[in-house]
Amino acid sequence: MSRPAPSSENARRTMEANRSTSRREIAFRKALWAAGGRGYRLRSNLPGRPDLVFPALRIAVFVHGCFWHRCPTCDLPMPRANADFWLDKLESNRLRDRRSEQLLSDSGWRVVIVWEHEIRPSVSPRAASLASDVAKMRRTLASHDMR
């Protein structure tokens, strides 16, 4: 299935952002590292191929673009040009996301979704929040190991 030509400058920029790793995601990872969020891995064979994985804590992190994964908060409009294609494409993305999240949850993984709007314009607050959550889970795990 070939991708239709962008119908506007905004659509072109949105499609251009669909890289395997966006600049915003890289900035988020750097901010996470700076906030103390260590121990993650970038490559994973887990369902849905999470963007970041904390294997010791069994945390899978997905950084989702609001357009491509149909963010419920942003509720972005559907493209008008080639509407059937986009409806099918974006709905299949949502179904794939749900399937991946369920498979991970069933396997004992905690799934964290970081939405694009949470890291725009600044990645730092969301990165600090995730780093704090990871640190708390590490302390909890360490306290259980001491018993």
N, C-alpha and C. Protein backbone atom coordinates (compact mmCIF):
# COMPACT_ATOMS: atom_id res chain seq x y z
N MET A 1 0.85 -1.17 0.00
CA MET A 1 0.00 0.00 0.00
C MET A 1 0.90 1.23 0.00
N SER A 2 0.80 2.07 -0.99
CA SER A 2 1.66 3.24 -1.06
C SER A 2 1.02 4.41 -0.31
N ARG A 3 1.88 5.24 0.18
CA ARG A 3 1.43 6.40 0.95
C ARG A 3 1.02 7.51 0.00
N PRO A 4 -0.11 8.18 0.25
CA PRO A 4 -0.53 9.27 -0.62
C PRO A 4 0.37 10.48 -0.45
N ALA A 5 0.39 11.33 -1.46
CA ALA A 5 1.18 12.56 -1.37
C ALA A 5 0.56 13.48 -0.33
N PRO A 6 1.40 14.20 0.41
CA PRO A 6 0.85 15.13 1.41
C PRO A 6 0.00 16.20 0.75
N SER A 7 -1.14 16.52 1.37
CA SER A 7 -2.05 17.49 0.78
C SER A 7 -1.80 18.90 1.28
N SER A 8 -0.94 19.05 2.25
CA SER A 8 -0.64 20.37 2.77
C SER A 8 0.74 20.35 3.41
N GLU A 9 1.23 21.53 3.71
CA GLU A 9 2.53 21.65 4.36
C GLU A 9 2.51 20.97 5.73
N ASN A 10 1.41 21.13 6.49
CA ASN A 10 1.30 20.48 7.79
C ASN A 10 1.32 18.96 7.66
N ALA A 11 0.61 18.44 6.68
CA ALA A 11 0.59 16.99 6.47
C ALA A 11 1.98 16.50 6.10
N ARG A 12 2.70 17.27 5.28
CA ARG A 12 4.05 16.88 4.90
C ARG A 12 4.96 16.79 6.13
N ARG A 13 4.87 17.78 7.00
CA ARG A 13 5.70 17.76 8.21
C ARG A 13 5.33 16.60 9.12
N THR A 14 4.04 16.29 9.21
CA THR A 14 3.60 15.18 10.05
C THR A 14 4.16 13.87 9.51
N MET A 15 4.06 13.66 8.21
CA MET A 15 4.57 12.41 7.62
C MET A 15 6.08 12.34 7.72
N GLU A 16 6.74 13.49 7.59
CA GLU A 16 8.19 13.53 7.67
C GLU A 16 8.66 13.10 9.06
N ALA A 17 7.85 13.38 10.06
CA ALA A 17 8.22 13.03 11.43
C ALA A 17 8.16 11.53 11.68
N ASN A 18 7.60 10.77 10.74
CA ASN A 18 7.47 9.33 10.92
C ASN A 18 8.80 8.64 10.57
N ARG A 19 9.76 8.80 11.43
CA ARG A 19 11.05 8.15 11.29
C ARG A 19 11.11 7.04 12.33
N SER A 20 12.08 6.17 12.19
CA SER A 20 12.21 5.12 13.20
C SER A 20 12.49 5.74 14.56
N THR A 21 13.24 6.83 14.59
CA THR A 21 13.51 7.54 15.83
C THR A 21 13.42 9.04 15.53
N SER A 22 12.47 9.70 16.15
CA SER A 22 12.30 11.13 15.90
C SER A 22 13.29 11.94 16.74
N ARG A 23 13.50 13.17 16.32
CA ARG A 23 14.38 14.06 17.09
C ARG A 23 13.84 14.28 18.49
N ARG A 24 12.53 14.37 18.59
CA ARG A 24 11.91 14.60 19.90
C ARG A 24 12.15 13.39 20.81
N GLU A 25 12.08 12.18 20.25
CA GLU A 25 12.34 10.97 21.05
C GLU A 25 13.79 10.94 21.52
N ILE A 26 14.71 11.31 20.66
CA ILE A 26 16.14 11.36 21.05
C ILE A 26 16.34 12.38 22.16
N ALA A 27 15.70 13.54 22.03
CA ALA A 27 15.80 14.56 23.08
C ALA A 27 15.21 14.04 24.39
N PHE A 28 14.12 13.29 24.29
CA PHE A 28 13.51 12.71 25.49
C PHE A 28 14.47 11.74 26.17
N ARG A 29 15.12 10.87 25.39
CA ARG A 29 16.07 9.92 25.96
C ARG A 29 17.23 10.65 26.65
N LYS A 30 17.73 11.70 26.03
CA LYS A 30 18.83 12.47 26.64
C LYS A 30 18.38 13.12 27.94
N ALA A 31 17.17 13.66 27.94
CA ALA A 31 16.64 14.28 29.16
C ALA A 31 16.40 13.23 30.24
N LEU A 32 15.94 12.05 29.85
CA LEU A 32 15.74 10.96 30.80
C LEU A 32 17.07 10.57 31.44
N TRP A 33 18.09 10.45 30.63
CA TRP A 33 19.43 10.12 31.13
C TRP A 33 19.91 11.20 32.10
N ALA A 34 19.74 12.47 31.71
CA ALA A 34 20.17 13.58 32.56
C ALA A 34 19.40 13.62 33.88
N ALA A 35 18.16 13.15 33.85
CA ALA A 35 17.34 13.13 35.07
C ALA A 35 17.62 11.91 35.94
N GLY A 36 18.54 11.06 35.51
CA GLY A 36 18.90 9.90 36.31
C GLY A 36 18.25 8.60 35.89
N GLY A 37 17.53 8.62 34.78
CA GLY A 37 16.86 7.41 34.29
C GLY A 37 17.84 6.51 33.56
N ARG A 38 18.58 5.73 34.33
CA ARG A 38 19.61 4.85 33.76
C ARG A 38 19.08 3.42 33.66
N GLY A 39 19.80 2.62 32.87
CA GLY A 39 19.50 1.20 32.81
C GLY A 39 18.55 0.78 31.71
N TYR A 40 18.20 1.69 30.82
CA TYR A 40 17.29 1.31 29.75
C TYR A 40 18.07 0.79 28.54
N ARG A 41 17.37 0.06 27.72
CA ARG A 41 17.91 -0.47 26.47
C ARG A 41 17.06 0.06 25.33
N LEU A 42 17.68 0.20 24.16
CA LEU A 42 16.97 0.73 23.00
C LEU A 42 16.45 -0.35 22.08
N ARG A 43 17.07 -1.47 22.05
CA ARG A 43 16.68 -2.55 21.14
C ARG A 43 15.93 -3.61 21.92
N SER A 44 14.84 -4.04 21.37
CA SER A 44 14.03 -5.04 22.06
C SER A 44 13.26 -5.87 21.06
N ASN A 45 13.13 -7.13 21.37
CA ASN A 45 12.31 -8.02 20.55
C ASN A 45 10.94 -8.24 21.18
N LEU A 46 10.59 -7.40 22.13
CA LEU A 46 9.30 -7.50 22.79
C LEU A 46 8.18 -7.11 21.82
N PRO A 47 6.95 -7.54 22.11
CA PRO A 47 5.81 -7.17 21.26
C PRO A 47 5.70 -5.65 21.12
N GLY A 48 5.51 -5.19 19.92
CA GLY A 48 5.36 -3.77 19.65
C GLY A 48 6.67 -3.01 19.56
N ARG A 49 7.77 -3.67 19.80
CA ARG A 49 9.11 -3.05 19.79
C ARG A 49 9.12 -1.73 20.57
N PRO A 50 9.05 -1.80 21.89
CA PRO A 50 9.06 -0.57 22.70
C PRO A 50 10.27 0.30 22.37
N ASP A 51 10.12 1.61 22.54
CA ASP A 51 11.20 2.55 22.26
C ASP A 51 12.30 2.47 23.31
N LEU A 52 11.91 2.23 24.55
CA LEU A 52 12.86 2.07 25.66
C LEU A 52 12.39 0.89 26.50
N VAL A 53 13.35 0.15 27.02
CA VAL A 53 13.01 -0.99 27.89
C VAL A 53 13.94 -0.95 29.09
N PHE A 54 13.34 -1.04 30.28
CA PHE A 54 14.10 -1.22 31.51
C PHE A 54 13.95 -2.69 31.88
N PRO A 55 14.87 -3.55 31.39
CA PRO A 55 14.69 -5.00 31.55
C PRO A 55 14.61 -5.46 33.01
N ALA A 56 15.44 -4.92 33.87
CA ALA A 56 15.45 -5.37 35.27
C ALA A 56 14.14 -5.05 35.97
N LEU A 57 13.48 -4.00 35.55
CA LEU A 57 12.22 -3.58 36.18
C LEU A 57 11.00 -4.03 35.38
N ARG A 58 11.24 -4.59 34.21
CA ARG A 58 10.18 -5.03 33.32
C ARG A 58 9.23 -3.86 32.98
N ILE A 59 9.86 -2.75 32.55
CA ILE A 59 9.12 -1.58 32.10
C ILE A 59 9.38 -1.40 30.61
N ALA A 60 8.31 -1.31 29.84
CA ALA A 60 8.41 -1.04 28.40
C ALA A 60 7.82 0.34 28.15
N VAL A 61 8.60 1.21 27.52
CA VAL A 61 8.17 2.59 27.26
C VAL A 61 7.99 2.80 25.76
N PHE A 62 6.83 3.31 25.41
CA PHE A 62 6.54 3.67 24.03
C PHE A 62 6.42 5.19 23.97
N VAL A 63 7.10 5.80 23.00
CA VAL A 63 6.95 7.23 22.75
C VAL A 63 6.07 7.34 21.51
N HIS A 64 4.82 7.74 21.72
CA HIS A 64 3.83 7.75 20.65
C HIS A 64 3.61 9.16 20.10
N GLY A 65 3.61 9.27 18.79
CA GLY A 65 3.21 10.50 18.14
C GLY A 65 1.70 10.65 18.22
N CYS A 66 1.24 11.83 18.54
CA CYS A 66 -0.20 12.05 18.74
C CYS A 66 -1.01 11.77 17.48
N PHE A 67 -0.48 12.11 16.31
CA PHE A 67 -1.20 11.86 15.06
C PHE A 67 -1.22 10.37 14.74
N TRP A 68 -0.05 9.75 14.73
CA TRP A 68 0.08 8.37 14.25
C TRP A 68 -0.59 7.35 15.16
N HIS A 69 -0.68 7.66 16.44
CA HIS A 69 -1.26 6.70 17.39
C HIS A 69 -2.60 7.18 17.95
N ARG A 70 -3.13 8.26 17.38
CA ARG A 70 -4.47 8.79 17.71
C ARG A 70 -4.63 9.08 19.19
N CYS A 71 -3.87 10.03 19.65
CA CYS A 71 -3.89 10.45 21.05
C CYS A 71 -5.32 10.85 21.46
N PRO A 72 -5.83 10.26 22.56
CA PRO A 72 -7.18 10.61 23.00
C PRO A 72 -7.27 12.03 23.56
N THR A 73 -6.17 12.58 24.04
CA THR A 73 -6.18 13.93 24.59
C THR A 73 -6.23 14.97 23.47
N CYS A 74 -5.39 14.78 22.46
CA CYS A 74 -5.30 15.77 21.37
C CYS A 74 -6.48 15.69 20.42
N ASP A 75 -7.00 14.49 20.19
CA ASP A 75 -8.15 14.30 19.30
C ASP A 75 -7.97 15.05 17.99
N LEU A 76 -6.84 14.79 17.32
CA LEU A 76 -6.51 15.47 16.08
C LEU A 76 -7.47 15.06 14.96
N PRO A 77 -7.76 15.98 14.04
CA PRO A 77 -8.68 15.65 12.95
C PRO A 77 -8.06 14.64 11.99
N MET A 78 -8.92 13.86 11.36
CA MET A 78 -8.48 12.92 10.34
C MET A 78 -8.19 13.71 9.06
N PRO A 79 -7.19 13.28 8.30
CA PRO A 79 -6.95 13.93 7.01
C PRO A 79 -8.16 13.77 6.10
N ARG A 80 -8.45 14.81 5.34
CA ARG A 80 -9.60 14.75 4.43
C ARG A 80 -9.23 14.09 3.11
N ALA A 81 -8.01 14.31 2.65
CA ALA A 81 -7.57 13.70 1.40
C ALA A 81 -7.31 12.21 1.63
N ASN A 82 -7.85 11.38 0.78
CA ASN A 82 -7.67 9.92 0.87
C ASN A 82 -8.12 9.39 2.24
N ALA A 83 -9.29 9.82 2.66
CA ALA A 83 -9.80 9.54 4.00
C ALA A 83 -9.87 8.05 4.33
N ASP A 84 -10.27 7.21 3.38
CA ASP A 84 -10.37 5.77 3.64
C ASP A 84 -9.01 5.17 3.98
N PHE A 85 -7.99 5.57 3.23
CA PHE A 85 -6.65 5.08 3.51
C PHE A 85 -6.23 5.44 4.93
N TRP A 86 -6.42 6.72 5.30
CA TRP A 86 -5.98 7.18 6.62
C TRP A 86 -6.79 6.54 7.74
N LEU A 87 -8.06 6.38 7.54
CA LEU A 87 -8.88 5.73 8.56
C LEU A 87 -8.38 4.31 8.82
N ASP A 88 -8.14 3.55 7.76
CA ASP A 88 -7.63 2.18 7.90
C ASP A 88 -6.25 2.18 8.54
N LYS A 89 -5.37 3.04 8.07
CA LYS A 89 -3.99 3.09 8.56
C LYS A 89 -3.95 3.42 10.04
N LEU A 90 -4.63 4.47 10.44
CA LEU A 90 -4.54 4.93 11.83
C LEU A 90 -5.28 3.99 12.78
N GLU A 91 -6.37 3.39 12.31
CA GLU A 91 -7.07 2.41 13.15
C GLU A 91 -6.22 1.16 13.32
N SER A 92 -5.52 0.73 12.27
CA SER A 92 -4.64 -0.44 12.41
C SER A 92 -3.49 -0.14 13.37
N ASN A 93 -2.99 1.10 13.39
CA ASN A 93 -1.97 1.48 14.38
C ASN A 93 -2.51 1.33 15.80
N ARG A 94 -3.73 1.82 16.03
CA ARG A 94 -4.33 1.73 17.37
C ARG A 94 -4.54 0.28 17.80
N LEU A 95 -5.02 -0.54 16.88
CA LEU A 95 -5.24 -1.95 17.21
C LEU A 95 -3.92 -2.66 17.52
N ARG A 96 -2.91 -2.38 16.72
CA ARG A 96 -1.58 -2.97 16.96
C ARG A 96 -1.04 -2.53 18.32
N ASP A 97 -1.22 -1.25 18.67
CA ASP A 97 -0.77 -0.74 19.96
C ASP A 97 -1.46 -1.49 21.10
N ARG A 98 -2.77 -1.63 21.01
CA ARG A 98 -3.53 -2.32 22.06
C ARG A 98 -3.09 -3.77 22.21
N ARG A 99 -2.89 -4.45 21.07
CA ARG A 99 -2.44 -5.85 21.09
C ARG A 99 -1.07 -5.96 21.77
N SER A 100 -0.16 -5.08 21.40
CA SER A 100 1.19 -5.10 21.98
C SER A 100 1.15 -4.84 23.48
N GLU A 101 0.37 -3.84 23.89
CA GLU A 101 0.25 -3.53 25.31
C GLU A 101 -0.32 -4.71 26.09
N GLN A 102 -1.31 -5.38 25.53
CA GLN A 102 -1.92 -6.53 26.20
C GLN A 102 -0.92 -7.68 26.32
N LEU A 103 -0.19 -7.96 25.24
CA LEU A 103 0.81 -9.03 25.28
C LEU A 103 1.88 -8.74 26.33
N LEU A 104 2.32 -7.50 26.39
CA LEU A 104 3.33 -7.13 27.39
C LEU A 104 2.78 -7.25 28.81
N SER A 105 1.59 -6.73 29.02
CA SER A 105 0.96 -6.82 30.35
C SER A 105 0.78 -8.27 30.78
N ASP A 106 0.33 -9.11 29.85
CA ASP A 106 0.13 -10.53 30.16
C ASP A 106 1.44 -11.22 30.51
N SER A 107 2.56 -10.67 30.02
CA SER A 107 3.88 -11.25 30.29
C SER A 107 4.55 -10.62 31.51
N GLY A 108 3.81 -9.77 32.22
CA GLY A 108 4.35 -9.19 33.45
C GLY A 108 5.11 -7.89 33.27
N TRP A 109 4.95 -7.25 32.12
CA TRP A 109 5.62 -5.98 31.87
C TRP A 109 4.69 -4.83 32.21
N ARG A 110 5.25 -3.76 32.73
CA ARG A 110 4.50 -2.52 32.94
C ARG A 110 4.70 -1.67 31.69
N VAL A 111 3.62 -1.24 31.09
CA VAL A 111 3.68 -0.46 29.85
C VAL A 111 3.48 1.02 30.19
N VAL A 112 4.40 1.84 29.72
CA VAL A 112 4.32 3.29 29.91
C VAL A 112 4.24 3.93 28.52
N ILE A 113 3.22 4.76 28.34
CA ILE A 113 3.06 5.49 27.09
C ILE A 113 3.43 6.94 27.35
N VAL A 114 4.36 7.44 26.56
CA VAL A 114 4.73 8.86 26.60
C VAL A 114 4.19 9.46 25.30
N TRP A 115 3.22 10.36 25.44
CA TRP A 115 2.61 10.97 24.27
C TRP A 115 3.42 12.18 23.82
N GLU A 116 3.41 12.40 22.52
CA GLU A 116 4.15 13.51 21.93
C GLU A 116 3.80 14.84 22.61
N HIS A 117 2.53 15.07 22.91
CA HIS A 117 2.16 16.35 23.52
C HIS A 117 2.74 16.50 24.93
N GLU A 118 3.11 15.38 25.58
CA GLU A 118 3.70 15.45 26.91
C GLU A 118 5.16 15.91 26.86
N ILE A 119 5.79 15.78 25.70
CA ILE A 119 7.19 16.16 25.59
C ILE A 119 7.38 17.33 24.63
N ARG A 120 6.31 18.03 24.38
CA ARG A 120 6.37 19.22 23.55
C ARG A 120 5.83 20.38 24.36
N PRO A 121 6.43 21.50 24.49
CA PRO A 121 7.67 21.90 23.85
C PRO A 121 8.92 21.42 24.60
N SER A 122 8.79 21.01 25.86
CA SER A 122 9.97 20.60 26.61
C SER A 122 9.86 19.14 27.02
N VAL A 123 10.93 18.40 26.80
CA VAL A 123 10.96 16.98 27.15
C VAL A 123 11.28 16.78 28.63
N SER A 124 11.86 17.78 29.27
CA SER A 124 12.39 17.61 30.63
C SER A 124 11.38 17.22 31.69
N PRO A 125 10.19 17.86 31.78
CA PRO A 125 9.27 17.47 32.85
C PRO A 125 8.84 16.00 32.78
N ARG A 126 8.50 15.52 31.58
CA ARG A 126 8.06 14.12 31.45
C ARG A 126 9.22 13.17 31.69
N ALA A 127 10.42 13.54 31.25
CA ALA A 127 11.60 12.72 31.48
C ALA A 127 11.89 12.63 32.98
N ALA A 128 11.79 13.74 33.68
CA ALA A 128 12.02 13.74 35.12
C ALA A 128 10.98 12.89 35.84
N SER A 129 9.74 12.95 35.38
CA SER A 129 8.67 12.15 35.98
C SER A 129 8.94 10.66 35.80
N LEU A 130 9.32 10.26 34.58
CA LEU A 130 9.62 8.85 34.34
C LEU A 130 10.85 8.40 35.13
N ALA A 131 11.89 9.24 35.18
CA ALA A 131 13.09 8.90 35.95
C ALA A 131 12.75 8.71 37.42
N SER A 132 11.86 9.54 37.95
CA SER A 132 11.41 9.41 39.34
C SER A 132 10.65 8.10 39.56
N ASP A 133 9.77 7.76 38.64
CA ASP A 133 9.02 6.50 38.74
C ASP A 133 9.96 5.30 38.70
N VAL A 134 10.95 5.36 37.83
CA VAL A 134 11.93 4.27 37.72
C VAL A 134 12.72 4.14 39.02
N ALA A 135 13.14 5.27 39.58
CA ALA A 135 13.90 5.25 40.84
C ALA A 135 13.06 4.65 41.97
N LYS A 136 11.78 5.01 42.03
CA LYS A 136 10.89 4.45 43.07
C LYS A 136 10.76 2.94 42.90
N MET A 137 10.60 2.48 41.67
CA MET A 137 10.48 1.04 41.44
C MET A 137 11.76 0.31 41.82
N ARG A 138 12.91 0.94 41.55
CA ARG A 138 14.19 0.33 41.94
C ARG A 138 14.29 0.20 43.45
N ARG A 139 13.88 1.26 44.17
CA ARG A 139 13.93 1.21 45.65
C ARG A 139 12.99 0.13 46.17
N THR A 140 11.80 0.03 45.57
CA THR A 140 10.85 -1.00 45.98
C THR A 140 11.41 -2.39 45.73
N LEU A 141 12.00 -2.58 44.58
CA LEU A 141 12.60 -3.87 44.23
C LEU A 141 13.75 -4.20 45.19
N ALA A 142 14.57 -3.19 45.49
CA ALA A 142 15.70 -3.42 46.40
C ALA A 142 15.21 -3.76 47.81
N SER A 143 14.15 -3.10 48.26
CA SER A 143 13.64 -3.38 49.60
C SER A 143 13.04 -4.78 49.68
N HIS A 144 12.44 -5.26 48.61
CA HIS A 144 11.90 -6.62 48.57
C HIS A 144 13.03 -7.65 48.52
N ASP A 145 14.12 -7.31 47.85
CA ASP A 145 15.26 -8.23 47.76
C ASP A 145 15.97 -8.39 49.11
N MET A 146 15.88 -7.37 49.97
CA MET A 146 16.56 -7.42 51.27
C MET A 146 15.81 -8.28 52.28
N ARG A 147 14.57 -8.58 52.00
CA ARG A 147 13.77 -9.36 52.96
C ARG A 147 14.14 -10.78 52.97
